[in-house]
Amino acid sequence: LTVMRLVPLGDQVVVKRLAAEAKTAGGIVLPESAREKPREARVLSIGDGRLTENGVRVPLQVNEGDRVLFSDYAGTEVNVEGEELLIVREADILAVLE
């Protein structure tokens, strides 16, 4: 059995979305189809950095394991061994949550 590891290139970051909220603030339970896709995720792997016009590699500001907030409609969804992952550019990551 071979486990596939997704290694992003350049300024790309592989993230896994965190679970969507199952209840509203008022306590109403939401069915799966009515839940918004969460914009929070855990960073699984990062690329080796952005390449500048001068050919200098700039390391990414996020690290593996970081909890991040990314913009709506960011990235490309991929399915790896039954797990739904998202590949986003570092520029689409808005903040690291602490």
Protein backbone atom coordinates (compact mmCIF):
# COMPACT_ATOMS: atom_id res chain seq x y z
CA LEU A 1 0.00 0.00 0.00
CA THR A 2 1.50 3.31 -1.12
CA VAL A 3 0.46 6.54 0.54
CA MET A 4 0.50 9.50 -1.86
CA ARG A 5 1.90 12.79 -0.58
CA LEU A 6 0.93 15.96 -2.40
CA VAL A 7 3.95 18.27 -2.73
CA PRO A 8 3.05 21.74 -4.05
CA LEU A 9 5.37 23.76 -6.28
CA GLY A 10 6.53 27.36 -5.84
CA ASP A 11 4.15 29.53 -3.83
CA GLN A 12 1.39 26.89 -3.70
CA VAL A 13 0.06 25.53 -0.39
CA VAL A 14 -1.95 22.33 0.22
CA VAL A 15 -4.65 22.78 2.88
CA LYS A 16 -7.48 20.71 4.33
CA ARG A 17 -10.67 22.58 5.18
CA LEU A 18 -11.78 22.47 8.81
CA ALA A 19 -15.28 21.16 9.57
CA ALA A 20 -18.23 23.43 8.76
CA GLU A 21 -20.41 24.77 11.55
CA ALA A 22 -23.39 22.45 12.12
CA LYS A 23 -25.45 25.03 14.06
CA THR A 24 -26.27 28.69 13.60
CA ALA A 25 -25.64 31.23 16.36
CA GLY A 26 -29.33 30.90 17.27
CA GLY A 27 -28.99 27.12 17.73
CA ILE A 28 -30.64 25.96 14.49
CA VAL A 29 -29.10 22.72 13.20
CA LEU A 30 -28.10 23.03 9.55
CA PRO A 31 -28.34 20.11 7.12
CA GLU A 32 -25.15 19.23 5.22
CA SER A 33 -26.44 20.84 1.99
CA ALA A 34 -27.11 24.21 3.69
CA ARG A 35 -23.70 24.56 5.32
CA GLU A 36 -21.24 27.04 3.82
CA LYS A 37 -17.85 25.70 2.90
CA PRO A 38 -15.48 26.78 5.64
CA ARG A 39 -12.74 29.27 4.81
CA GLU A 40 -10.54 27.97 7.61
CA ALA A 41 -8.06 25.21 6.92
CA ARG A 42 -4.99 23.41 8.23
CA VAL A 43 -1.80 23.65 6.13
CA LEU A 44 -0.63 20.16 5.15
CA SER A 45 2.34 21.00 2.92
CA ILE A 46 3.98 24.04 1.35
CA GLY A 47 5.98 24.73 -1.78
CA ASP A 48 9.59 25.93 -1.78
CA GLY A 49 8.67 29.61 -2.22
CA ARG A 50 7.96 32.32 -4.73
CA LEU A 51 10.54 33.08 -7.41
CA THR A 52 11.24 36.81 -7.90
CA GLU A 53 12.10 38.46 -11.22
CA ASN A 54 15.78 38.40 -10.13
CA GLY A 55 15.66 34.62 -9.72
CA VAL A 56 15.73 34.78 -5.91
CA ARG A 57 13.54 32.25 -4.06
CA VAL A 58 11.45 33.91 -1.31
CA PRO A 59 10.29 31.41 1.37
CA LEU A 60 6.59 31.23 2.25
CA GLN A 61 5.22 32.92 5.38
CA VAL A 62 3.02 29.95 6.36
CA ASN A 63 4.25 26.65 7.78
CA GLU A 64 2.92 23.11 7.81
CA GLY A 65 0.40 22.72 10.62
CA ASP A 66 -0.70 26.39 10.61
CA ARG A 67 -4.42 27.13 10.84
CA VAL A 68 -5.22 29.67 8.13
CA LEU A 69 -8.08 31.75 6.74
CA PHE A 70 -8.30 31.99 2.95
CA SER A 71 -10.41 34.00 0.52
CA ASP A 72 -13.68 32.78 -1.03
CA TYR A 73 -13.28 30.94 -4.34
CA ALA A 74 -9.56 30.44 -3.71
CA GLY A 75 -7.64 27.47 -4.96
CA THR A 76 -8.28 24.22 -6.75
CA GLU A 77 -10.05 21.33 -5.07
CA VAL A 78 -8.39 17.92 -5.42
CA ASN A 79 -9.29 14.49 -4.10
CA VAL A 80 -6.32 12.43 -2.91
CA GLU A 81 -7.07 8.92 -1.68
CA GLY A 82 -10.61 9.91 -0.69
CA GLU A 83 -9.53 13.07 1.14
CA GLU A 84 -10.75 16.44 -0.16
CA LEU A 85 -7.86 18.91 -0.24
CA LEU A 86 -7.39 22.39 -1.62
CA ILE A 87 -4.33 23.82 -3.37
CA VAL A 88 -4.13 27.60 -2.92
CA ARG A 89 -1.57 30.27 -3.73
CA GLU A 90 0.04 31.89 -0.71
CA ALA A 91 -1.45 35.22 -1.87
CA ASP A 92 -4.96 33.74 -1.34
CA ILE A 93 -4.22 33.10 2.33
CA LEU A 94 -5.49 36.09 4.31
CA ALA A 95 -4.26 35.27 7.82
CA VAL A 96 -2.74 32.69 10.14
CA LEU A 97 -5.08 31.97 13.06
CA GLU A 98 -3.44 31.55 16.46
